[in-house]
């Protein structure tokens, strides 16, 4: 089972800021390698988010979909997503819970809850926020979160 589950924003920001495809090819190859080794993965909902924009990230994600990088939710993941949804709906106002639940964040947390591993996210905990944040919801479901740069160091990424 994967040790790390990538949030969509990790991939989007990598493409837009740190590891643009024109100079960050090593980064994307590293993710592919770690995906093939079963160390890094993401969920189908992240894949769906990445398909919304016609760009290099969409093309990369499409290639990885065929390689098993983006996991489909099994019955346990779907049930866990339901529990996460119930918690978020009960603890956050609808104008903040609905966008969270409409995106991939709860699905990534559900995958990590069921299959183990940490959710890799750029978000920081904000327990007093009116908006649900990945680290806070993950903590509620006993899932660890990790900073993408710390994960890259742990996995030995280098140019």
Protein backbone atom coordinates (compact mmCIF):
# COMPACT_ATOMS: atom_id res chain seq x y z
CA UNK A 1 0.00 0.00 0.00
CA UNK A 2 1.21 3.53 -0.68
CA UNK A 3 2.99 5.40 2.08
CA UNK A 4 1.98 8.77 0.63
CA UNK A 5 -1.29 9.99 -0.92
CA UNK A 6 -0.94 13.18 -2.96
CA UNK A 7 -3.45 16.00 -2.72
CA UNK A 8 -4.32 17.69 -6.04
CA UNK A 9 -2.82 21.00 -4.94
CA UNK A 10 0.60 19.36 -4.47
CA UNK A 11 0.64 18.42 -8.14
CA UNK A 12 -0.91 21.66 -9.38
CA UNK A 13 1.51 23.86 -7.45
CA UNK A 14 4.47 21.72 -8.49
CA UNK A 15 3.48 22.24 -12.12
CA UNK A 16 2.80 25.96 -11.71
CA UNK A 17 5.66 26.92 -9.40
CA UNK A 18 8.43 24.54 -8.38
CA UNK A 19 8.74 21.84 -11.02
CA UNK A 20 7.23 23.15 -14.25
CA UNK A 21 7.44 20.54 -16.98
CA UNK A 22 9.90 22.56 -19.07
CA UNK A 23 12.61 22.28 -16.39
CA UNK A 24 11.31 19.85 -13.76
CA UNK A 25 11.20 16.62 -15.76
CA UNK A 26 13.26 14.84 -13.08
CA UNK A 27 10.57 15.54 -10.49
CA UNK A 28 7.79 14.05 -12.62
CA UNK A 29 9.90 11.00 -13.47
CA UNK A 30 10.61 10.53 -9.77
CA UNK A 31 6.87 10.57 -9.00
CA UNK A 32 6.28 8.04 -11.76
CA UNK A 33 9.00 5.79 -10.34
CA UNK A 34 7.67 6.03 -6.78
CA UNK A 35 4.18 5.40 -8.11
CA UNK A 36 5.37 2.26 -9.92
CA UNK A 37 7.05 1.12 -6.69
CA UNK A 38 3.76 1.57 -4.84
CA UNK A 39 5.13 4.24 -2.50
CA UNK A 40 3.26 7.27 -3.84
CA UNK A 41 -0.31 7.37 -5.19
CA UNK A 42 -3.38 9.51 -5.38
CA UNK A 43 -7.09 8.95 -5.85
CA UNK A 44 -9.49 9.04 -8.75
CA UNK A 45 -11.00 12.33 -7.53
CA UNK A 46 -7.58 14.02 -7.84
CA UNK A 47 -7.30 12.64 -11.37
CA UNK A 48 -10.73 14.08 -12.16
CA UNK A 49 -9.67 17.50 -10.85
CA UNK A 50 -6.55 17.43 -13.02
CA UNK A 51 -8.64 16.66 -16.11
CA UNK A 52 -10.46 20.02 -15.92
CA UNK A 53 -7.66 22.05 -17.51
CA UNK A 54 -6.02 21.38 -20.86
CA UNK A 55 -2.34 21.44 -19.91
CA UNK A 56 0.74 19.30 -19.40
CA UNK A 57 -0.45 18.17 -16.00
CA UNK A 58 -3.62 16.75 -17.50
CA UNK A 59 -1.52 14.86 -20.06
CA UNK A 60 0.81 13.56 -17.33
CA UNK A 61 -2.12 12.47 -15.16
CA UNK A 62 -3.72 10.70 -18.13
CA UNK A 63 -0.52 8.69 -18.63
CA UNK A 64 -0.39 7.80 -14.93
CA UNK A 65 -4.04 6.73 -14.83
CA UNK A 66 -3.12 3.76 -16.99
CA UNK A 67 -0.25 2.90 -14.62
CA UNK A 68 -2.36 2.62 -11.47
CA UNK A 69 -1.18 5.89 -9.91
CA UNK A 70 -4.74 7.09 -9.31
CA UNK A 71 -6.74 4.61 -7.23
CA UNK A 72 -10.44 4.00 -7.65
CA UNK A 73 -12.42 4.10 -4.40
CA UNK A 74 -13.34 0.64 -3.17
CA UNK A 75 -16.36 0.00 -0.91
CA UNK A 76 -14.40 0.71 2.27
CA UNK A 77 -13.11 4.00 0.88
CA UNK A 78 -16.62 4.99 -0.20
CA UNK A 79 -17.98 4.22 3.28
CA UNK A 80 -15.15 6.16 4.89
CA UNK A 81 -15.78 9.10 2.56
CA UNK A 82 -19.38 9.02 3.81
CA UNK A 83 -18.21 9.22 7.45
CA UNK A 84 -15.87 12.08 6.57
CA UNK A 85 -18.70 13.84 4.75
CA UNK A 86 -21.00 13.43 7.75
CA UNK A 87 -18.34 14.87 10.06
CA UNK A 88 -17.57 17.84 7.80
CA UNK A 89 -21.27 18.59 7.23
CA UNK A 90 -21.97 18.47 10.97
CA UNK A 91 -19.02 20.66 11.97
CA UNK A 92 -18.75 23.29 9.22
CA UNK A 93 -21.27 25.62 7.67
CA UNK A 94 -22.64 24.48 4.29
CA UNK A 95 -20.95 27.27 2.34
CA UNK A 96 -17.60 25.87 3.53
CA UNK A 97 -18.34 22.16 3.78
CA UNK A 98 -19.91 21.81 0.32
CA UNK A 99 -16.84 22.96 -1.66
CA UNK A 100 -14.58 20.75 0.47
CA UNK A 101 -16.75 17.70 -0.14
CA UNK A 102 -17.17 18.49 -3.85
CA UNK A 103 -13.41 18.33 -4.38
CA UNK A 104 -10.86 15.57 -3.92
CA UNK A 105 -9.67 16.36 -0.40
CA UNK A 106 -12.08 14.09 1.48
CA UNK A 107 -11.41 11.27 -0.99
CA UNK A 108 -7.64 11.48 -0.43
CA UNK A 109 -8.21 11.35 3.32
CA UNK A 110 -10.56 8.37 2.89
CA UNK A 111 -7.93 6.47 0.86
CA UNK A 112 -5.30 7.07 3.55
CA UNK A 113 -7.73 6.12 6.31
CA UNK A 114 -8.53 2.78 4.70
CA UNK A 115 -5.19 1.87 3.14
CA UNK A 116 -2.73 3.59 5.49
CA UNK A 117 -0.14 6.20 4.71
CA UNK A 118 -0.02 9.97 5.03
CA UNK A 119 -1.80 12.62 2.98
CA UNK A 120 0.74 14.90 1.32
CA UNK A 121 -0.58 18.45 1.35
CA UNK A 122 0.59 22.03 1.33
CA UNK A 123 -2.23 23.03 3.68
CA UNK A 124 -1.39 23.83 7.29
CA UNK A 125 -3.57 22.97 10.28
CA UNK A 126 -6.11 25.65 11.15
CA UNK A 127 -8.39 24.14 13.80
CA UNK A 128 -10.16 27.45 14.43
CA UNK A 129 -10.90 28.06 10.76
CA UNK A 130 -14.45 28.13 9.46
CA UNK A 131 -13.19 26.21 6.42
CA UNK A 132 -12.30 22.52 6.65
CA UNK A 133 -8.59 21.94 6.09
CA UNK A 134 -7.00 18.64 5.12
CA UNK A 135 -4.70 18.44 8.18
CA UNK A 136 -7.57 19.03 10.60
CA UNK A 137 -9.96 16.56 8.99
CA UNK A 138 -7.18 13.99 8.55
CA UNK A 139 -6.25 14.28 12.23
CA UNK A 140 -9.88 13.65 13.18
CA UNK A 141 -9.68 10.35 11.27
CA UNK A 142 -6.23 9.40 12.65
CA UNK A 143 -4.45 10.08 9.37
CA UNK A 144 -1.08 11.80 9.31
CA UNK A 145 -0.27 14.59 6.89
CA UNK A 146 3.09 15.45 5.40
CA UNK A 147 4.68 18.43 3.72
CA UNK A 148 5.64 17.65 0.10
CA UNK A 149 9.20 18.86 0.51
CA UNK A 150 9.73 16.73 3.62
CA UNK A 151 8.41 13.72 1.68
CA UNK A 152 10.79 14.41 -1.21
CA UNK A 153 13.70 14.54 1.25
CA UNK A 154 12.58 11.32 2.92
CA UNK A 155 12.31 9.56 -0.43
CA UNK A 156 15.72 10.82 -1.56
CA UNK A 157 14.67 13.07 -4.42
CA UNK A 158 17.43 15.10 -6.06
CA UNK A 159 18.10 16.69 -9.43
